[in-house]
């Protein structure tokens, strides 16, 4: 199968959406299938207000007609609800082409964290966007149930995976920082609730791996924390293997890929009992979920790293690709 994927999130961004489609494309290529992309790279762009790292394409549906035709795709998948996603949606409807979408980001929470916009209004726009397609892929059963209650239709499960060639136990990095090491990894942005983690009264050291618009403000506010900056996948795997617990303070992630990757390295996770952690950790014993995040972080120190690792290896990109292709084929039939 040849799938044309339209995504507003793309390199040089480092985020879950980019990593998901990189991984799916790699497995598809190994199987003789293909994923071809339309990304902001092909268009004039402007920085997303408040998040300069993200470049948004200046695009109309007509500008996509030629790359759509040249892709010779069996199916169209719209990954994001940005300018490219909206233009692709309109073109598909105009041409009568079936398409699927993915719900990767809790935009109602993200927008509300930055602007005085009611979540109900954002959900209304997202329903209009996604319900026009033949299917809307979601990573977890919890998210599927949540969106069903919000009026979203034709929801399809498509779990995410972990690159086990990269995310596996590694030698512990040398460090002079006091133990235990509590690590946050991911985008450094307001919706990730990192400030809550950094305010916790915890022993040892707090580390933050990642980059984003809130980085400098958090550095100034929490000089006692250790900010590692942007990490490659290999560097991140080494950090996971060297830390004592991953603290995941977000309440808004639809999955939290970083949790699965940390578990695959044998690192226990502390998180709130919300969508994402409920699906990644579940009843596995690989982490601790509690509304008292400090208590969860401290209890996570006693989790057996072998148990964490056993849970992490259950997430594979092979299974994710199986689901993705099956969903695309079903929607195109």
Protein backbone atom coordinates (compact mmCIF):
# COMPACT_ATOMS: atom_id res chain seq x y z
CA UNK A 1 0.00 0.00 0.00
CA UNK A 2 1.13 3.52 -0.80
CA UNK A 3 -0.11 6.11 1.72
CA UNK A 4 0.12 9.86 1.20
CA UNK A 5 0.49 11.47 4.63
CA UNK A 6 -0.01 15.18 5.15
CA UNK A 7 1.56 16.59 8.30
CA UNK A 8 2.12 20.11 9.61
CA UNK A 9 4.60 18.73 12.15
CA UNK A 10 7.91 17.82 10.57
CA UNK A 11 11.67 18.08 10.86
CA UNK A 12 13.55 19.82 12.37
CA UNK A 13 10.87 19.60 15.07
CA UNK A 14 11.43 16.86 17.63
CA UNK A 15 8.05 15.75 18.92
CA UNK A 16 5.80 12.73 19.13
CA UNK A 17 4.03 13.31 15.80
CA UNK A 18 7.28 13.52 13.82
CA UNK A 19 8.68 10.44 15.52
CA UNK A 20 5.47 8.45 14.92
CA UNK A 21 5.47 9.00 11.16
CA UNK A 22 9.20 8.52 10.84
CA UNK A 23 8.80 5.13 12.51
CA UNK A 24 5.73 4.08 10.51
CA UNK A 25 7.42 5.07 7.25
CA UNK A 26 10.52 3.04 8.12
CA UNK A 27 8.58 -0.14 8.89
CA UNK A 28 6.38 0.30 5.82
CA UNK A 29 9.45 0.64 3.61
CA UNK A 30 10.92 -2.55 5.08
CA UNK A 31 7.72 -4.38 4.13
CA UNK A 32 7.57 -3.08 0.58
CA UNK A 33 4.84 -0.54 1.30
CA UNK A 34 5.45 3.20 1.12
CA UNK A 35 4.54 6.36 2.97
CA UNK A 36 5.03 9.57 1.04
CA UNK A 37 4.72 12.97 2.65
CA UNK A 38 3.50 16.48 2.10
CA UNK A 39 5.10 18.69 4.77
CA UNK A 40 5.85 22.38 5.36
CA UNK A 41 9.24 21.87 3.68
CA UNK A 42 7.62 22.38 0.27
CA UNK A 43 5.97 25.72 1.06
CA UNK A 44 6.62 29.19 2.38
CA UNK A 45 6.18 29.13 6.13
CA UNK A 46 5.73 31.43 9.09
CA UNK A 47 6.45 30.77 12.78
CA UNK A 48 3.58 29.62 14.94
CA UNK A 49 2.74 32.47 17.35
CA UNK A 50 4.33 31.74 20.72
CA UNK A 51 6.22 28.72 19.41
CA UNK A 52 8.82 29.82 16.85
CA UNK A 53 10.21 26.31 16.44
CA UNK A 54 7.02 25.26 14.65
CA UNK A 55 6.77 26.56 11.08
CA UNK A 56 3.29 26.67 9.54
CA UNK A 57 2.80 26.38 5.79
CA UNK A 58 1.20 29.13 3.72
CA UNK A 59 -0.95 26.87 1.56
CA UNK A 60 -4.30 26.60 -0.23
CA UNK A 61 -6.11 23.44 -1.39
CA UNK A 62 -5.24 24.28 -4.99
CA UNK A 63 -1.54 24.22 -4.17
CA UNK A 64 -1.88 20.59 -3.09
CA UNK A 65 -3.55 19.30 -6.25
CA UNK A 66 -0.31 18.62 -8.11
CA UNK A 67 1.55 16.87 -5.21
CA UNK A 68 -1.60 14.82 -4.58
CA UNK A 69 -1.60 13.62 -8.17
CA UNK A 70 2.15 12.98 -8.27
CA UNK A 71 1.98 10.88 -5.07
CA UNK A 72 -0.04 8.16 -6.86
CA UNK A 73 -1.29 7.07 -3.45
CA UNK A 74 -3.73 4.31 -2.59
CA UNK A 75 -4.88 6.26 0.44
CA UNK A 76 -4.64 9.74 1.97
CA UNK A 77 -3.97 10.21 5.67
CA UNK A 78 -4.11 13.64 7.31
CA UNK A 79 -1.95 13.60 10.43
CA UNK A 80 -2.45 17.10 11.84
CA UNK A 81 -5.05 19.84 12.13
CA UNK A 82 -2.84 22.67 10.83
CA UNK A 83 -2.86 24.70 7.61
CA UNK A 84 -1.72 21.71 5.54
CA UNK A 85 -4.24 19.44 7.22
CA UNK A 86 -7.13 21.83 6.61
CA UNK A 87 -6.12 22.36 2.98
CA UNK A 88 -5.77 18.59 2.41
CA UNK A 89 -9.16 17.93 4.01
CA UNK A 90 -10.83 20.43 1.71
CA UNK A 91 -9.12 19.04 -1.38
CA UNK A 92 -10.09 15.46 -0.51
CA UNK A 93 -13.73 16.47 -0.06
CA UNK A 94 -13.64 18.45 -3.32
CA UNK A 95 -12.19 15.45 -5.21
CA UNK A 96 -14.34 12.86 -3.44
CA UNK A 97 -11.25 11.09 -2.11
CA UNK A 98 -11.60 8.98 1.04
CA UNK A 99 -9.19 9.93 3.80
CA UNK A 100 -8.38 9.21 7.41
CA UNK A 101 -7.12 11.51 10.15
CA UNK A 102 -5.34 11.10 13.49
CA UNK A 103 -6.06 12.73 16.83
CA UNK A 104 -2.55 13.18 18.19
CA UNK A 105 -2.88 16.35 20.26
CA UNK A 106 -5.31 17.58 22.92
CA UNK A 107 -5.66 20.99 21.31
CA UNK A 108 -8.53 22.07 23.58
CA UNK A 109 -6.18 21.88 26.57
CA UNK A 110 -3.22 23.34 24.69
CA UNK A 111 -5.21 26.32 23.39
CA UNK A 112 -6.84 26.95 26.77
CA UNK A 113 -3.40 27.04 28.40
CA UNK A 114 -2.42 29.94 26.15
CA UNK A 115 -5.61 31.79 25.19
CA UNK A 116 -9.04 32.50 26.73
CA UNK A 117 -10.77 30.07 24.36
CA UNK A 118 -13.43 27.69 25.78
CA UNK A 119 -12.52 24.04 25.32
CA UNK A 120 -16.01 23.37 23.92
CA UNK A 121 -15.30 25.72 21.01
CA UNK A 122 -12.05 23.96 20.13
CA UNK A 123 -13.72 20.56 20.37
CA UNK A 124 -16.40 21.75 17.95
CA UNK A 125 -13.77 22.66 15.36
CA UNK A 126 -11.98 19.35 15.84
CA UNK A 127 -15.23 17.37 15.48
CA UNK A 128 -15.95 19.19 12.21
CA UNK A 129 -12.42 18.44 11.00
CA UNK A 130 -12.21 14.75 11.91
CA UNK A 131 -15.80 13.60 11.34
CA UNK A 132 -15.52 14.43 7.63
CA UNK A 133 -13.12 11.53 7.09
CA UNK A 134 -13.63 7.78 6.81
CA UNK A 135 -11.83 7.20 10.11
CA UNK A 136 -10.03 8.99 12.93
CA UNK A 137 -7.07 7.07 14.37
CA UNK A 138 -6.39 7.23 18.11
CA UNK A 139 -3.58 5.62 20.06
CA UNK A 140 -5.50 4.33 23.08
CA UNK A 141 -8.84 2.95 24.16
CA UNK A 142 -9.09 5.67 26.79
CA UNK A 143 -8.80 8.39 24.16
CA UNK A 144 -11.31 6.59 21.96
CA UNK A 145 -13.84 6.52 24.78
CA UNK A 146 -13.15 10.16 25.68
CA UNK A 147 -13.68 11.35 22.10
CA UNK A 148 -16.75 9.15 21.59
CA UNK A 149 -18.36 10.95 24.51
CA UNK A 150 -17.50 14.24 22.78
CA UNK A 151 -19.29 13.29 19.55
CA UNK A 152 -16.37 12.08 17.44
CA UNK A 153 -17.22 9.36 14.95
CA UNK A 154 -15.54 6.43 13.17
CA UNK A 155 -12.71 6.15 15.69
CA UNK A 156 -10.01 3.59 14.90
CA UNK A 157 -7.41 2.24 17.31
CA UNK A 158 -3.82 2.61 16.15
CA UNK A 159 -1.35 2.01 18.99
CA UNK A 160 2.12 3.49 19.03
CA UNK A 161 5.43 1.69 19.39
CA UNK A 162 9.03 1.90 20.52
CA UNK A 163 12.25 1.49 18.56
CA UNK A 164 13.80 -1.30 20.59
CA UNK A 165 17.09 -1.06 18.75
CA UNK A 166 17.52 2.34 20.40
CA UNK A 167 15.46 2.27 23.57
CA UNK A 168 16.96 -0.53 25.63
CA UNK A 169 18.97 -0.67 28.86
CA UNK A 170 22.39 0.96 28.51
CA UNK A 171 25.35 1.59 30.80
CA UNK A 172 24.68 4.15 33.50
CA UNK A 173 26.15 7.57 32.72
CA UNK A 174 28.73 8.92 35.14
CA UNK A 175 27.29 11.74 37.25
CA UNK A 176 28.23 13.76 40.31
CA UNK A 177 24.62 14.80 40.93
CA UNK A 178 23.00 13.55 44.15
CA UNK A 179 20.79 10.49 43.87
CA UNK A 180 18.03 9.67 43.19
CA UNK A 181 17.67 11.24 39.74
CA UNK A 182 14.11 12.23 38.80
CA UNK A 183 13.88 12.90 35.07
CA UNK A 184 11.37 14.74 32.89
CA UNK A 185 11.78 14.23 29.13
CA UNK A 186 9.83 15.88 26.34
CA UNK A 187 8.87 19.26 24.96
CA UNK A 188 9.40 22.08 27.42
CA UNK A 189 6.09 23.87 27.02
CA UNK A 190 3.35 25.14 29.31
CA UNK A 191 0.87 22.36 28.52
CA UNK A 192 3.34 19.73 29.76
CA UNK A 193 2.93 20.96 33.37
CA UNK A 194 6.68 20.72 34.03
CA UNK A 195 6.50 23.45 36.67
CA UNK A 196 4.50 21.10 38.89
CA UNK A 197 7.29 18.52 38.71
CA UNK A 198 9.98 21.10 39.47
CA UNK A 199 8.06 22.35 42.51
CA UNK A 200 7.89 18.90 44.11
CA UNK A 201 9.81 18.39 47.34
CA UNK A 202 11.95 15.45 46.28
CA UNK A 203 15.34 14.17 47.40
CA UNK A 204 18.31 13.97 45.04
CA UNK A 205 18.24 15.78 41.70
CA UNK A 206 15.67 16.87 39.12
CA UNK A 207 16.66 16.68 35.45
CA UNK A 208 14.84 18.08 32.43
CA UNK A 209 15.67 16.69 28.97
CA UNK A 210 14.21 18.62 26.07
CA UNK A 211 13.72 22.01 24.49
CA UNK A 212 10.81 24.33 23.93
CA UNK A 213 9.33 27.79 24.49
CA UNK A 214 9.23 27.52 28.29
CA UNK A 215 12.86 26.48 28.71
CA UNK A 216 14.43 29.81 29.60
CA UNK A 217 11.63 30.78 31.98
CA UNK A 218 11.91 27.47 33.83
CA UNK A 219 15.69 27.78 34.04
CA UNK A 220 15.30 31.16 35.70
CA UNK A 221 12.53 29.99 38.02
CA UNK A 222 14.21 26.73 39.08
CA UNK A 223 17.99 27.25 39.18
CA UNK A 224 18.43 24.11 41.27
CA UNK A 225 17.15 21.86 38.48
CA UNK A 226 19.46 20.50 35.79
CA UNK A 227 18.43 21.25 32.21
CA UNK A 228 19.99 18.88 29.68
CA UNK A 229 18.63 20.51 26.52
CA UNK A 230 17.61 18.76 23.34
CA UNK A 231 18.59 15.09 23.22
CA UNK A 232 19.06 12.69 20.34
CA UNK A 233 17.28 9.35 20.62
CA UNK A 234 20.52 7.65 21.65
CA UNK A 235 21.23 10.32 24.26
CA UNK A 236 17.70 10.03 25.59
CA UNK A 237 18.02 6.25 25.90
CA UNK A 238 21.19 6.77 27.92
CA UNK A 239 19.41 9.25 30.19
CA UNK A 240 16.54 6.80 30.71
CA UNK A 241 18.99 4.06 31.59
CA UNK A 242 20.75 6.31 34.10
CA UNK A 243 17.81 7.96 35.87
CA UNK A 244 15.92 6.46 38.80
CA UNK A 245 12.37 7.50 37.80
CA UNK A 246 10.69 9.29 34.94
CA UNK A 247 8.22 11.88 36.22
CA UNK A 248 5.49 12.54 33.65
CA UNK A 249 3.48 15.54 34.91
CA UNK A 250 1.34 16.09 31.82
CA UNK A 251 -2.43 15.74 32.07
CA UNK A 252 -3.03 16.45 28.39
CA UNK A 253 -1.04 13.92 26.32
CA UNK A 254 -3.01 11.52 24.17
CA UNK A 255 -0.42 8.78 24.68
CA UNK A 256 2.93 9.92 26.02
CA UNK A 257 5.39 8.06 23.79
CA UNK A 258 8.27 9.06 26.05
CA UNK A 259 6.79 6.88 28.83
CA UNK A 260 6.86 3.76 26.64
CA UNK A 261 10.42 4.53 25.57
CA UNK A 262 11.52 5.04 29.17
CA UNK A 263 9.93 1.75 30.21
CA UNK A 264 11.74 -0.04 27.39
CA UNK A 265 14.99 1.18 28.94
CA UNK A 266 13.89 -0.19 32.31
CA UNK A 267 12.98 3.20 33.83
CA UNK A 268 9.86 3.24 36.06
CA UNK A 269 7.33 6.02 35.51
CA UNK A 270 5.47 8.30 37.93
CA UNK A 271 2.39 10.01 36.52
CA UNK A 272 -1.11 11.24 37.18
CA UNK A 273 -3.93 8.69 36.69
CA UNK A 274 -5.14 10.23 33.40
CA UNK A 275 -5.47 9.22 29.75
CA UNK A 276 -2.07 8.27 28.44
CA UNK A 277 -0.49 6.94 31.64
CA UNK A 278 -3.56 4.73 32.21
CA UNK A 279 -2.90 3.05 28.88
CA UNK A 280 0.91 3.00 28.90
CA UNK A 281 1.33 1.89 32.53
CA UNK A 282 -2.05 0.30 33.11
CA UNK A 283 -2.01 -2.54 35.63
CA UNK A 284 1.51 -3.62 34.67
CA UNK A 285 3.22 -2.49 37.87
CA UNK A 286 5.81 -0.71 35.70
CA UNK A 287 5.06 2.65 37.24
CA UNK A 288 2.96 4.49 39.78
CA UNK A 289 -0.07 6.67 39.08
CA UNK A 290 -1.40 8.96 41.79
CA UNK A 291 -2.98 12.41 42.11
CA UNK A 292 -0.16 13.08 44.59
CA UNK A 293 2.67 13.24 42.06
CA UNK A 294 5.32 13.48 44.78
CA UNK A 295 4.09 10.26 46.35
CA UNK A 296 4.06 8.59 42.92
CA UNK A 297 7.63 9.71 42.22
CA UNK A 298 8.93 8.40 45.52
CA UNK A 299 7.08 5.10 45.19
CA UNK A 300 8.36 4.65 41.64
CA UNK A 301 11.87 4.33 43.07
CA UNK A 302 10.94 0.90 44.40
CA UNK A 303 9.58 -0.44 41.09
CA UNK A 304 11.63 -3.30 39.68
CA UNK A 305 13.38 -2.12 36.52
CA UNK A 306 12.85 -5.56 34.99
CA UNK A 307 9.09 -5.08 35.37
CA UNK A 308 9.34 -1.68 33.66
CA UNK A 309 11.38 -3.19 30.84
CA UNK A 310 8.90 -6.05 30.38
CA UNK A 311 6.08 -3.54 29.90
CA UNK A 312 8.09 -1.36 27.53
CA UNK A 313 8.92 -4.15 25.10
CA UNK A 314 5.20 -4.76 24.55
CA UNK A 315 4.99 -1.59 22.45
CA UNK A 316 6.28 -2.27 18.92
CA UNK A 317 6.23 -0.30 15.69
CA UNK A 318 5.50 -3.52 13.82
CA UNK A 319 2.14 -3.84 15.60
CA UNK A 320 1.50 -0.12 15.15
CA UNK A 321 2.16 -0.39 11.41
CA UNK A 322 -0.15 -3.41 11.13
CA UNK A 323 -2.96 -1.35 12.65
CA UNK A 324 -2.19 1.74 10.57
CA UNK A 325 -2.24 -0.13 7.25
CA UNK A 326 -5.37 -2.06 8.21
CA UNK A 327 -7.15 1.17 9.09
CA UNK A 328 -6.09 2.81 5.82
CA UNK A 329 -7.22 -0.22 3.79
CA UNK A 330 -10.56 -0.36 5.59
CA UNK A 331 -11.23 3.34 5.02
CA UNK A 332 -10.35 3.09 1.32
CA UNK A 333 -12.53 0.06 0.62
